[in-house]
Amino acid sequence: MEGSLRRNDAADAEFFYDRQSGRLSGAGLVDQMAVYALQVGSVVTQPFGHRGCGWGCDMVSCAVAQRDIVVRLNPDVQFAIPFCDRYWSRILNSRYYYEEEIETFLRSVADIKYTFVDCGANFGYWSVLASSAPFGRQTALAIEASPGNAARLALNAGLNGNRYRCMNAAIGGRTGGFVRVAGRRHEAFSTYAVKDDDPGAVRRVSLDGLLKDDLDAQAPMVIKLDVEGVEIEAIEGAKACLSGNSLLICEDHGSDPTHGVSRHLMKDAALSLYIFDPAAWRFVRIDGPAVLDRVKRYRWVGYNVFGTRSPIWEDRLQSARWICR
């Protein structure tokens, strides 16, 4: 799996990149050239949704040793990724903000105390940010189905003082049963129901099923849901969570021209729905498919929609100020 841990060869020097200062440490000449190539690749492909960037990462990886690089995202965050990773290498480009609309929103609500629930957490990018000082040091629960990704999730928790909780489980419509994770790319795994004795099986949980022991139904929640194709099922298993003072961030993929996830959130879950509109440079209310047709430009990109029943969260979406470049 691409998410498997990679041991640094340099015993005495951490391979480290600081996004704010641009400082690179623990890198020899070949590694320095590789980082530069990855940065250029991100810059060139960024206007096209980073189409083709993964292929470039694969080419660069042939010239370097397998190891991790630790990226300082802000003064309170360290985030380890495999060097030349097809997906995460784009964050070595300091002019690129990963899912900028989520970062903008989370920064704008740093003064509110809430529980951040990171479903499909991958390596823990959003959990480590939400629990950091610039984002209000929020309580965070990171849930990841892939055992390999969950190991990285725990690694990044350790790099940051174990300030968020990790759970190796698959989010579904109900609590109970087991699934197996499969796929070639760590950012795009699929889950399949299996028997409990299946090798690599992980338990399935619903968000409402976590309310008793892991989540406080009375506390404000921000739920990020990125579960690769089972979003609607997971939403059905979160009715109690979504009925309270909560906000849901969910992916509506560009490959779906019918906007199935957004339609379900508006019609069946009865949430007010917003999306970042680059034409208006702000979050806008989704009242029909026209906005989604315009915003979802690339078939290979996931687009985040923000749904809530809370006037407080709606007000924060409408008043969010964008990241200054």
C-alpha atoms as a PDB file:
ATOM      1  CA  MET A   1       0.000   0.000   0.000  1.00  0.00           C
ATOM      2  CA  GLU A   2       1.146   3.529  -0.705  1.00  0.00           C
ATOM      3  CA  GLY A   3       0.374   4.462   2.877  1.00  0.00           C
ATOM      4  CA  SER A   4       2.852   2.041   4.411  1.00  0.00           C
ATOM      5  CA  LEU A   5       5.454   3.569   6.730  1.00  0.00           C
ATOM      6  CA  ARG A   6       8.831   4.436   5.291  1.00  0.00           C
ATOM      7  CA  ARG A   7      11.926   4.581   7.471  1.00  0.00           C
ATOM      8  CA  ASN A   8      14.347   7.469   7.018  1.00  0.00           C
ATOM      9  CA  ASP A   9      17.820   6.365   5.908  1.00  0.00           C
ATOM     10  CA  ALA A  10      19.479   9.415   7.457  1.00  0.00           C
ATOM     11  CA  ALA A  11      19.843   8.415  11.102  1.00  0.00           C
ATOM     12  CA  ASP A  12      21.073  11.762  12.390  1.00  0.00           C
ATOM     13  CA  ALA A  13      19.210  14.253  10.202  1.00  0.00           C
ATOM     14  CA  GLU A  14      15.452  14.565   9.899  1.00  0.00           C
ATOM     15  CA  PHE A  15      14.220  15.059   6.344  1.00  0.00           C
ATOM     16  CA  PHE A  16      12.165  18.177   6.894  1.00  0.00           C
ATOM     17  CA  TYR A  17      10.426  20.928   4.893  1.00  0.00           C
ATOM     18  CA  ASP A  18       8.944  24.106   6.343  1.00  0.00           C
ATOM     19  CA  ARG A  19       6.178  25.515   4.140  1.00  0.00           C
ATOM     20  CA  GLN A  20       6.333  28.992   5.651  1.00  0.00           C
ATOM     21  CA  SER A  21      10.082  29.571   5.450  1.00  0.00           C
ATOM     22  CA  GLY A  22      10.842  27.229   2.551  1.00  0.00           C
ATOM     23  CA  ARG A  23      13.652  25.660   4.591  1.00  0.00           C
ATOM     24  CA  LEU A  24      14.641  22.110   3.626  1.00  0.00           C
ATOM     25  CA  SER A  25      16.862  20.086   5.957  1.00  0.00           C
ATOM     26  CA  GLY A  26      18.296  16.581   6.011  1.00  0.00           C
ATOM     27  CA  ALA A  27      18.447  16.496   2.184  1.00  0.00           C
ATOM     28  CA  GLY A  28      21.351  15.665  -0.069  1.00  0.00           C
ATOM     29  CA  LEU A  29      21.770  17.133  -3.533  1.00  0.00           C
ATOM     30  CA  VAL A  30      19.600  14.495  -5.232  1.00  0.00           C
ATOM     31  CA  ASP A  31      16.828  14.967  -2.667  1.00  0.00           C
ATOM     32  CA  GLN A  32      17.007  18.741  -3.084  1.00  0.00           C
ATOM     33  CA  MET A  33      16.611  18.377  -6.831  1.00  0.00           C
ATOM     34  CA  ALA A  34      13.728  15.959  -6.306  1.00  0.00           C
ATOM     35  CA  VAL A  35      11.907  18.393  -4.017  1.00  0.00           C
ATOM     36  CA  TYR A  36      12.371  21.162  -6.568  1.00  0.00           C
ATOM     37  CA  ALA A  37      10.989  18.931  -9.332  1.00  0.00           C
ATOM     38  CA  LEU A  38       7.944  18.055  -7.192  1.00  0.00           C
ATOM     39  CA  GLN A  39       7.337  21.728  -6.464  1.00  0.00           C
ATOM     40  CA  VAL A  40       7.536  22.670 -10.140  1.00  0.00           C
ATOM     41  CA  GLY A  41       5.240  19.794 -11.051  1.00  0.00           C
ATOM     42  CA  SER A  42       2.625  21.031  -8.603  1.00  0.00           C
ATOM     43  CA  VAL A  43       2.845  24.620  -9.835  1.00  0.00           C
ATOM     44  CA  VAL A  44       2.503  23.573 -13.487  1.00  0.00           C
ATOM     45  CA  THR A  45      -0.427  21.196 -12.950  1.00  0.00           C
ATOM     46  CA  GLN A  46      -2.284  23.200 -10.279  1.00  0.00           C
ATOM     47  CA  PRO A  47      -4.419  25.183 -12.791  1.00  0.00           C
ATOM     48  CA  PHE A  48      -5.689  21.814 -14.126  1.00  0.00           C
ATOM     49  CA  GLY A  49      -6.614  20.250 -10.796  1.00  0.00           C
ATOM     50  CA  HIS A  50      -3.124  18.657 -10.581  1.00  0.00           C
ATOM     51  CA  ARG A  51      -3.930  16.362 -13.479  1.00  0.00           C
ATOM     52  CA  GLY A  52      -0.756  14.427 -14.294  1.00  0.00           C
ATOM     53  CA  CYS A  53       1.059  15.444 -11.109  1.00  0.00           C
ATOM     54  CA  GLY A  54       0.979  11.868  -9.808  1.00  0.00           C
ATOM     55  CA  TRP A  55       2.796  10.560 -12.863  1.00  0.00           C
ATOM     56  CA  GLY A  56       5.540  13.116 -12.297  1.00  0.00           C
ATOM     57  CA  CYS A  57       5.858  12.024  -8.669  1.00  0.00           C
ATOM     58  CA  ASP A  58       6.303   8.431  -9.809  1.00  0.00           C
ATOM     59  CA  MET A  59       9.119   9.467 -12.155  1.00  0.00           C
ATOM     60  CA  VAL A  60      10.917  11.474  -9.465  1.00  0.00           C
ATOM     61  CA  SER A  61      10.569   8.631  -6.953  1.00  0.00           C
ATOM     62  CA  CYS A  62      12.728   6.408  -9.178  1.00  0.00           C
ATOM     63  CA  ALA A  63      15.732   8.627  -8.449  1.00  0.00           C
ATOM     64  CA  VAL A  64      15.515   8.791  -4.652  1.00  0.00           C
ATOM     65  CA  ALA A  65      15.512   6.454  -1.676  1.00  0.00           C
ATOM     66  CA  GLN A  66      12.221   5.525  -0.066  1.00  0.00           C
ATOM     67  CA  ARG A  67      11.857   7.624   3.068  1.00  0.00           C
ATOM     68  CA  ASP A  68       9.478   9.997   4.801  1.00  0.00           C
ATOM     69  CA  ILE A  69       9.568  13.764   4.648  1.00  0.00           C
ATOM     70  CA  VAL A  70       8.111  15.771   7.535  1.00  0.00           C
ATOM     71  CA  VAL A  71       6.318  18.934   6.432  1.00  0.00           C
ATOM     72  CA  ARG A  72       5.738  21.771   8.889  1.00  0.00           C
ATOM     73  CA  LEU A  73       2.316  23.097   7.912  1.00  0.00           C
ATOM     74  CA  ASN A  74       2.276  25.846  10.538  1.00  0.00           C
ATOM     75  CA  PRO A  75       4.381  26.503  13.685  1.00  0.00           C
ATOM     76  CA  ASP A  76       2.237  24.020  15.642  1.00  0.00           C
ATOM     77  CA  VAL A  77       1.937  21.203  13.049  1.00  0.00           C
ATOM     78  CA  GLN A  78       4.266  18.527  11.694  1.00  0.00           C
ATOM     79  CA  PHE A  79       2.882  16.186   9.030  1.00  0.00           C
ATOM     80  CA  ALA A  80       4.850  13.170   7.773  1.00  0.00           C
ATOM     81  CA  ILE A  81       4.274  11.831   4.262  1.00  0.00           C
ATOM     82  CA  PRO A  82       6.133   9.362   2.028  1.00  0.00           C
ATOM     83  CA  PHE A  83       8.645  11.257  -0.093  1.00  0.00           C
ATOM     84  CA  CYS A  84       7.320  11.606  -3.677  1.00  0.00           C
ATOM     85  CA  ASP A  85       3.827  10.512  -2.650  1.00  0.00           C
ATOM     86  CA  ARG A  86       1.471  10.859  -5.636  1.00  0.00           C
ATOM     87  CA  TYR A  87      -1.173  12.660  -3.607  1.00  0.00           C
ATOM     88  CA  TRP A  88       0.468  14.585  -0.785  1.00  0.00           C
ATOM     89  CA  SER A  89       3.607  15.864  -2.562  1.00  0.00           C
ATOM     90  CA  ARG A  90       1.615  18.875  -3.765  1.00  0.00           C
ATOM     91  CA  ILE A  91       1.876  20.399  -0.265  1.00  0.00           C
ATOM     92  CA  LEU A  92       5.614  20.907  -0.922  1.00  0.00           C
ATOM     93  CA  ASN A  93       4.398  23.745  -3.164  1.00  0.00           C
ATOM     94  CA  SER A  94       4.058  26.602  -0.657  1.00  0.00           C
ATOM     95  CA  ARG A  95       1.707  28.455  -3.021  1.00  0.00           C
ATOM     96  CA  TYR A  96      -0.786  25.609  -2.905  1.00  0.00           C
ATOM     97  CA  TYR A  97      -3.404  25.267  -0.172  1.00  0.00           C
ATOM     98  CA  TYR A  98      -4.897  21.797   0.088  1.00  0.00           C
ATOM     99  CA  GLU A  99      -8.715  22.027   0.089  1.00  0.00           C
ATOM    100  CA  GLU A 100      -8.435  25.748   0.745  1.00  0.00           C
ATOM    101  CA  GLU A 101     -12.154  26.145   1.347  1.00  0.00           C
ATOM    102  CA  ILE A 102     -11.961  23.838   4.383  1.00  0.00           C
ATOM    103  CA  GLU A 103      -8.912  25.627   5.778  1.00  0.00           C
ATOM    104  CA  THR A 104     -10.610  28.997   5.327  1.00  0.00           C
ATOM    105  CA  PHE A 105     -13.724  27.838   7.149  1.00  0.00           C
ATOM    106  CA  LEU A 106     -11.863  26.134  10.015  1.00  0.00           C
ATOM    107  CA  ARG A 107      -9.710  29.218  10.549  1.00  0.00           C
ATOM    108  CA  SER A 108     -12.818  31.409  10.610  1.00  0.00           C
ATOM    109  CA  VAL A 109     -14.365  29.340  13.439  1.00  0.00           C
ATOM    110  CA  ALA A 110     -11.230  28.986  15.578  1.00  0.00           C
ATOM    111  CA  ASP A 111     -12.965  30.966  18.340  1.00  0.00           C
ATOM    112  CA  ILE A 112     -15.754  28.350  18.646  1.00  0.00           C
ATOM    113  CA  LYS A 113     -15.095  25.216  20.683  1.00  0.00           C
ATOM    114  CA  TYR A 114     -16.310  22.127  18.826  1.00  0.00           C
ATOM    115  CA  THR A 115     -15.416  18.492  18.234  1.00  0.00           C
ATOM    116  CA  PHE A 116     -13.838  17.835  14.858  1.00  0.00           C
ATOM    117  CA  VAL A 117     -14.795  14.378  13.543  1.00  0.00           C
ATOM    118  CA  ASP A 118     -12.500  13.368  10.676  1.00  0.00           C
ATOM    119  CA  CYS A 119     -14.147  10.460   8.828  1.00  0.00           C
ATOM    120  CA  GLY A 120     -11.826   8.953   6.239  1.00  0.00           C
ATOM    121  CA  ALA A 121      -8.928  10.775   7.877  1.00  0.00           C
ATOM    122  CA  ASN A 122      -6.196   9.274   5.659  1.00  0.00           C
ATOM    123  CA  PHE A 123      -2.883  10.426   7.216  1.00  0.00           C
ATOM    124  CA  GLY A 124      -4.591  12.932   9.545  1.00  0.00           C
ATOM    125  CA  TYR A 125      -4.047  16.211   7.697  1.00  0.00           C
ATOM    126  CA  TRP A 126      -7.232  17.879   8.926  1.00  0.00           C
ATOM    127  CA  SER A 127      -7.124  16.377  12.412  1.00  0.00           C
ATOM    128  CA  VAL A 128      -3.609  17.654  13.020  1.00  0.00           C
ATOM    129  CA  LEU A 129      -4.574  21.115  11.740  1.00  0.00           C
ATOM    130  CA  ALA A 130      -7.915  21.388  13.580  1.00  0.00           C
ATOM    131  CA  SER A 131      -6.200  20.469  16.856  1.00  0.00           C
ATOM    132  CA  SER A 132      -3.421  23.052  16.365  1.00  0.00           C
ATOM    133  CA  ALA A 133      -3.198  26.514  17.910  1.00  0.00           C
ATOM    134  CA  PRO A 134      -4.084  28.591  14.806  1.00  0.00           C
ATOM    135  CA  PHE A 135      -7.323  26.572  14.478  1.00  0.00           C
ATOM    136  CA  GLY A 136      -8.381  26.860  18.120  1.00  0.00           C
ATOM    137  CA  ARG A 137      -6.919  23.592  19.501  1.00  0.00           C
ATOM    138  CA  GLN A 138     -10.141  21.730  18.854  1.00  0.00           C
ATOM    139  CA  THR A 139     -10.898  18.267  20.214  1.00  0.00           C
ATOM    140  CA  ALA A 140     -10.525  15.847  17.291  1.00  0.00           C
ATOM    141  CA  LEU A 141     -11.459  12.243  16.568  1.00  0.00           C
ATOM    142  CA  ALA A 142      -9.810  10.798  13.440  1.00  0.00           C
ATOM    143  CA  ILE A 143     -11.403   7.676  11.920  1.00  0.00           C
ATOM    144  CA  GLU A 144      -9.674   5.708   9.151  1.00  0.00           C
ATOM    145  CA  ALA A 145     -10.608   2.321   7.669  1.00  0.00           C
ATOM    146  CA  SER A 146      -7.293   1.373   6.047  1.00  0.00           C
ATOM    147  CA  PRO A 147      -4.898  -0.263   8.551  1.00  0.00           C
ATOM    148  CA  GLY A 148      -1.931   1.155   6.623  1.00  0.00           C
ATOM    149  CA  ASN A 149      -3.348   4.668   6.636  1.00  0.00           C
ATOM    150  CA  ALA A 150      -4.338   4.284  10.285  1.00  0.00           C
ATOM    151  CA  ALA A 151      -0.697   3.560  11.147  1.00  0.00           C
ATOM    152  CA  ARG A 152       0.276   6.836   9.494  1.00  0.00           C
ATOM    153  CA  LEU A 153      -2.591   8.570  11.266  1.00  0.00           C
ATOM    154  CA  ALA A 154      -1.135   7.428  14.587  1.00  0.00           C
ATOM    155  CA  LEU A 155       2.375   8.430  13.483  1.00  0.00           C
ATOM    156  CA  ASN A 156       1.254  11.989  12.801  1.00  0.00           C
ATOM    157  CA  ALA A 157      -0.642  12.082  16.093  1.00  0.00           C
ATOM    158  CA  GLY A 158       2.606  11.152  17.835  1.00  0.00           C
ATOM    159  CA  LEU A 159       4.553  13.851  15.997  1.00  0.00           C
ATOM    160  CA  ASN A 160       2.096  16.377  17.444  1.00  0.00           C
ATOM    161  CA  GLY A 161       1.841  15.254  21.046  1.00  0.00           C
ATOM    162  CA  ASN A 162      -1.013  12.772  20.509  1.00  0.00           C
ATOM    163  CA  ARG A 163      -3.486  15.632  20.697  1.00  0.00           C
ATOM    164  CA  TYR A 164      -6.165  13.858  18.651  1.00  0.00           C
ATOM    165  CA  ARG A 165      -7.680  10.396  19.040  1.00  0.00           C
ATOM    166  CA  CYS A 166      -7.283   7.744  16.332  1.00  0.00           C
ATOM    167  CA  MET A 167      -9.749   5.005  15.452  1.00  0.00           C
ATOM    168  CA  ASN A 168      -9.177   2.225  12.883  1.00  0.00           C
ATOM    169  CA  ALA A 169     -12.753   1.657  11.691  1.00  0.00           C
ATOM    170  CA  ALA A 170     -14.963   2.125   8.635  1.00  0.00           C
ATOM    171  CA  ILE A 171     -17.823   4.621   8.703  1.00  0.00           C
ATOM    172  CA  GLY A 172     -21.141   3.162   7.527  1.00  0.00           C
ATOM    173  CA  GLY A 173     -24.885   3.425   7.901  1.00  0.00           C
ATOM    174  CA  ARG A 174     -24.968   1.339  11.077  1.00  0.00           C
ATOM    175  CA  THR A 175     -22.662   0.029  13.765  1.00  0.00           C
ATOM    176  CA  GLY A 176     -21.867  -3.656  13.400  1.00  0.00           C
ATOM    177  CA  GLY A 177     -20.171  -5.973  10.978  1.00  0.00           C
ATOM    178  CA  PHE A 178     -16.810  -5.788   9.270  1.00  0.00           C
ATOM    179  CA  VAL A 179     -15.351  -4.468   6.025  1.00  0.00           C
ATOM    180  CA  ARG A 180     -12.142  -4.952   4.091  1.00  0.00           C
ATOM    181  CA  VAL A 181     -10.289  -2.078   2.466  1.00  0.00           C
ATOM    182  CA  ALA A 182      -8.945  -2.466  -1.070  1.00  0.00           C
ATOM    183  CA  GLY A 183      -7.339  -0.258  -3.676  1.00  0.00           C
ATOM    184  CA  ARG A 184      -4.027   0.811  -5.179  1.00  0.00           C
ATOM    185  CA  ARG A 185      -3.988   4.434  -3.991  1.00  0.00           C
ATOM    186  CA  HIS A 186      -4.184   5.349  -0.308  1.00  0.00           C
ATOM    187  CA  GLU A 187      -6.395   8.367  -1.035  1.00  0.00           C
ATOM    188  CA  ALA A 188      -8.979   6.360  -3.002  1.00  0.00           C
ATOM    189  CA  PHE A 189      -9.588   3.066  -1.218  1.00  0.00           C
ATOM    190  CA  SER A 190     -12.914   1.209  -1.393  1.00  0.00           C
ATOM    191  CA  THR A 191     -14.567  -0.872   1.342  1.00  0.00           C
ATOM    192  CA  TYR A 192     -16.348  -4.227   1.023  1.00  0.00           C
ATOM    193  CA  ALA A 193     -18.440  -6.062   3.612  1.00  0.00           C
ATOM    194  CA  VAL A 194     -16.756  -9.287   4.806  1.00  0.00           C
ATOM    195  CA  LYS A 195     -16.965 -11.855   7.584  1.00  0.00           C
ATOM    196  CA  ASP A 196     -15.213 -11.030  10.831  1.00  0.00           C
ATOM    197  CA  ASP A 197     -12.562 -13.673  10.214  1.00  0.00           C
ATOM    198  CA  ASP A 198     -11.512 -12.181   6.880  1.00  0.00           C
ATOM    199  CA  PRO A 199      -7.831 -11.151   6.814  1.00  0.00           C
ATOM    200  CA  GLY A 200      -7.480  -7.423   7.296  1.00  0.00           C
ATOM    201  CA  ALA A 201     -11.129  -6.924   8.327  1.00  0.00           C
ATOM    202  CA  VAL A 202     -11.955  -3.768  10.281  1.00  0.00           C
ATOM    203  CA  ARG A 203     -15.120  -3.013  12.199  1.00  0.00           C
ATOM    204  CA  ARG A 204     -17.882  -0.821  10.823  1.00  0.00           C
ATOM    205  CA  VAL A 205     -19.336   2.016  12.891  1.00  0.00           C
ATOM    206  CA  SER A 206     -21.931   4.707  12.325  1.00  0.00           C
ATOM    207  CA  LEU A 207     -21.577   8.278  13.525  1.00  0.00           C
ATOM    208  CA  ASP A 208     -24.729   7.957  15.592  1.00  0.00           C
ATOM    209  CA  GLY A 209     -23.314   4.748  17.050  1.00  0.00           C
ATOM    210  CA  LEU A 210     -20.346   6.740  18.372  1.00  0.00           C
ATOM    211  CA  LEU A 211     -22.506   9.140  20.359  1.00  0.00           C
ATOM    212  CA  LYS A 212     -22.622   6.963  23.470  1.00  0.00           C
ATOM    213  CA  ASP A 213     -18.907   6.512  24.138  1.00  0.00           C
ATOM    214  CA  ASP A 214     -16.911   8.658  21.706  1.00  0.00           C
ATOM    215  CA  LEU A 215     -18.919  11.794  20.860  1.00  0.00           C
ATOM    216  CA  ASP A 216     -20.977  14.270  22.866  1.00  0.00           C
ATOM    217  CA  ALA A 217     -24.359  14.815  21.221  1.00  0.00           C
ATOM    218  CA  GLN A 218     -24.759  18.148  23.045  1.00  0.00           C
ATOM    219  CA  ALA A 219     -21.434  19.624  21.909  1.00  0.00           C
ATOM    220  CA  PRO A 220     -21.020  21.478  18.592  1.00  0.00           C
ATOM    221  CA  MET A 221     -19.494  19.251  15.917  1.00  0.00           C
ATOM    222  CA  VAL A 222     -17.784  19.710  12.577  1.00  0.00           C
ATOM    223  CA  ILE A 223     -17.873  16.421  10.699  1.00  0.00           C
ATOM    224  CA  LYS A 224     -15.658  15.912   7.660  1.00  0.00           C
ATOM    225  CA  LEU A 225     -16.872  12.970   5.600  1.00  0.00           C
ATOM    226  CA  ASP A 226     -14.603  11.593   2.869  1.00  0.00           C
ATOM    227  CA  VAL A 227     -15.397   7.893   2.652  1.00  0.00           C
ATOM    228  CA  GLU A 228     -14.994   7.073  -1.048  1.00  0.00           C
ATOM    229  CA  GLY A 229     -18.424   6.178  -2.328  1.00  0.00           C
ATOM    230  CA  VAL A 230     -20.360   5.404   0.870  1.00  0.00           C
ATOM    231  CA  GLU A 231     -21.166   9.021   1.736  1.00  0.00           C
ATOM    232  CA  ILE A 232     -24.945   8.628   1.468  1.00  0.00           C
ATOM    233  CA  GLU A 233     -24.905   5.476   3.602  1.00  0.00           C
ATOM    234  CA  ALA A 234     -22.785   7.270   6.203  1.00  0.00           C
ATOM    235  CA  ILE A 235     -25.135  10.277   6.192  1.00  0.00           C
ATOM    236  CA  GLU A 236     -28.061   7.946   6.866  1.00  0.00           C
ATOM    237  CA  GLY A 237     -26.160   6.681   9.906  1.00  0.00           C
ATOM    238  CA  ALA A 238     -25.659  10.209  11.248  1.00  0.00           C
ATOM    239  CA  LYS A 239     -29.234  11.469  11.650  1.00  0.00           C
ATOM    240  CA  ALA A 240     -28.872  12.180  15.365  1.00  0.00           C
ATOM    241  CA  CYS A 241     -25.514  13.909  14.867  1.00  0.00           C
ATOM    242  CA  LEU A 242     -26.852  16.105  12.077  1.00  0.00           C
ATOM    243  CA  SER A 243     -29.973  17.076  14.031  1.00  0.00           C
ATOM    244  CA  GLY A 244     -27.894  18.961  16.580  1.00  0.00           C
ATOM    245  CA  ASN A 245     -25.499  21.894  16.436  1.00  0.00           C
ATOM    246  CA  SER A 246     -23.350  20.320  13.755  1.00  0.00           C
ATOM    247  CA  LEU A 247     -21.872  21.080  10.378  1.00  0.00           C
ATOM    248  CA  LEU A 248     -21.081  18.437   7.771  1.00  0.00           C
ATOM    249  CA  ILE A 249     -18.305  18.791   5.194  1.00  0.00           C
ATOM    250  CA  CYS A 250     -18.839  16.165   2.504  1.00  0.00           C
ATOM    251  CA  GLU A 251     -17.337  15.390  -0.879  1.00  0.00           C
ATOM    252  CA  ASP A 252     -19.502  15.624  -3.999  1.00  0.00           C
ATOM    253  CA  HIS A 253     -17.206  14.217  -6.657  1.00  0.00           C
ATOM    254  CA  GLY A 254     -16.699  15.801 -10.039  1.00  0.00           C
ATOM    255  CA  SER A 255     -17.262  12.427 -11.686  1.00  0.00           C
ATOM    256  CA  ASP A 256     -20.956  12.559 -10.670  1.00  0.00           C
ATOM    257  CA  PRO A 257     -22.831  14.974 -12.977  1.00  0.00           C
ATOM    258  CA  THR A 258     -26.086  14.258 -11.116  1.00  0.00           C
ATOM    259  CA  HIS A 259     -24.687  15.655  -7.832  1.00  0.00           C
ATOM    260  CA  GLY A 260     -26.190  12.741  -5.915  1.00  0.00           C
ATOM    261  CA  VAL A 261     -24.570  13.517  -2.555  1.00  0.00           C
ATOM    262  CA  SER A 262     -25.661  17.164  -2.617  1.00  0.00           C
ATOM    263  CA  ARG A 263     -29.199  16.267  -3.633  1.00  0.00           C
ATOM    264  CA  HIS A 264     -29.412  13.783  -0.768  1.00  0.00           C
ATOM    265  CA  LEU A 265     -28.127  16.310   1.745  1.00  0.00           C
ATOM    266  CA  MET A 266     -30.683  18.922   0.675  1.00  0.00           C
ATOM    267  CA  LYS A 267     -33.720  16.714   0.104  1.00  0.00           C
ATOM    268  CA  ASP A 268     -33.389  13.726   2.424  1.00  0.00           C
ATOM    269  CA  ALA A 269     -31.179  15.128   5.197  1.00  0.00           C
ATOM    270  CA  ALA A 270     -32.872  18.554   4.993  1.00  0.00           C
ATOM    271  CA  LEU A 271     -29.618  20.506   5.371  1.00  0.00           C
ATOM    272  CA  SER A 272     -28.881  23.995   4.118  1.00  0.00           C
ATOM    273  CA  LEU A 273     -26.013  23.489   1.689  1.00  0.00           C
ATOM    274  CA  TYR A 274     -23.106  25.732   0.699  1.00  0.00           C
ATOM    275  CA  ILE A 275     -20.103  25.459  -1.616  1.00  0.00           C
ATOM    276  CA  PHE A 276     -17.154  27.695  -2.375  1.00  0.00           C
ATOM    277  CA  ASP A 277     -17.788  29.467  -5.687  1.00  0.00           C
ATOM    278  CA  PRO A 278     -14.525  30.644  -7.329  1.00  0.00           C
ATOM    279  CA  ALA A 279     -16.495  33.087  -9.478  1.00  0.00           C
ATOM    280  CA  ALA A 280     -17.820  34.883  -6.389  1.00  0.00           C
ATOM    281  CA  TRP A 281     -14.770  34.058  -4.206  1.00  0.00           C
ATOM    282  CA  ARG A 282     -16.984  33.109  -1.263  1.00  0.00           C
ATOM    283  CA  PHE A 283     -19.304  30.399   0.020  1.00  0.00           C
ATOM    284  CA  VAL A 284     -22.681  30.470  -1.732  1.00  0.00           C
ATOM    285  CA  ARG A 285     -25.962  28.743  -0.950  1.00  0.00           C
ATOM    286  CA  ILE A 286     -26.831  25.773  -3.170  1.00  0.00           C
ATOM    287  CA  ASP A 287     -30.480  26.042  -4.148  1.00  0.00           C
ATOM    288  CA  GLY A 288     -30.268  23.917  -7.266  1.00  0.00           C
ATOM    289  CA  PRO A 289     -27.874  22.214  -9.704  1.00  0.00           C
ATOM    290  CA  ALA A 290     -26.751  25.364 -11.541  1.00  0.00           C
ATOM    291  CA  VAL A 291     -24.072  26.316  -8.988  1.00  0.00           C
ATOM    292  CA  LEU A 292     -22.773  22.746  -8.833  1.00  0.00           C
ATOM    293  CA  ASP A 293     -22.691  22.493 -12.637  1.00  0.00           C
ATOM    294  CA  ARG A 294     -20.484  25.584 -12.729  1.00  0.00           C
ATOM    295  CA  VAL A 295     -18.197  24.837  -9.793  1.00  0.00           C
ATOM    296  CA  LYS A 296     -17.509  21.135 -10.467  1.00  0.00           C
ATOM    297  CA  ARG A 297     -15.145  21.713 -13.381  1.00  0.00           C
ATOM    298  CA  TYR A 298     -12.969  18.587 -13.256  1.00  0.00           C
ATOM    299  CA  ARG A 299     -14.184  14.982 -13.309  1.00  0.00           C
ATOM    300  CA  TRP A 300     -11.160  13.778 -11.300  1.00  0.00           C
ATOM    301  CA  VAL A 301     -11.558  16.256  -8.417  1.00  0.00           C
ATOM    302  CA  GLY A 302     -13.665  15.969  -5.265  1.00  0.00           C
ATOM    303  CA  TYR A 303     -15.617  19.103  -4.334  1.00  0.00           C
ATOM    304  CA  ASN A 304     -16.572  19.858  -0.740  1.00  0.00           C
ATOM    305  CA  VAL A 305     -20.088  20.924   0.173  1.00  0.00           C
ATOM    306  CA  PHE A 306     -20.976  22.255   3.641  1.00  0.00           C
ATOM    307  CA  GLY A 307     -24.333  21.318   5.148  1.00  0.00           C
ATOM    308  CA  THR A 308     -25.996  22.375   8.404  1.00  0.00           C
ATOM    309  CA  ARG A 309     -29.275  23.157  10.144  1.00  0.00           C
ATOM    310  CA  SER A 310     -27.621  25.566  12.549  1.00  0.00           C
ATOM    311  CA  PRO A 311     -27.991  29.350  12.016  1.00  0.00           C
ATOM    312  CA  ILE A 312     -24.659  29.801  13.797  1.00  0.00           C
ATOM    313  CA  TRP A 313     -22.724  27.667  11.314  1.00  0.00           C
ATOM    314  CA  GLU A 314     -24.616  29.237   8.391  1.00  0.00           C
ATOM    315  CA  ASP A 315     -23.620  32.688   9.581  1.00  0.00           C
ATOM    316  CA  ARG A 316     -19.967  31.633   9.796  1.00  0.00           C
ATOM    317  CA  LEU A 317     -20.064  30.195   6.277  1.00  0.00           C
ATOM    318  CA  GLN A 318     -21.531  33.405   4.895  1.00  0.00           C
ATOM    319  CA  SER A 319     -19.016  35.590   6.724  1.00  0.00           C
ATOM    320  CA  ALA A 320     -15.867  33.504   6.156  1.00  0.00           C
ATOM    321  CA  ARG A 321     -12.927  35.550   4.898  1.00  0.00           C
ATOM    322  CA  TRP A 322     -10.589  33.926   2.424  1.00  0.00           C
ATOM    323  CA  ILE A 323      -6.935  33.122   3.043  1.00  0.00           C
ATOM    324  CA  CYS A 324      -4.697  36.084   2.197  1.00  0.00           C
ATOM    325  CA  ARG A 325      -2.063  35.165  -0.381  1.00  0.00           C
END
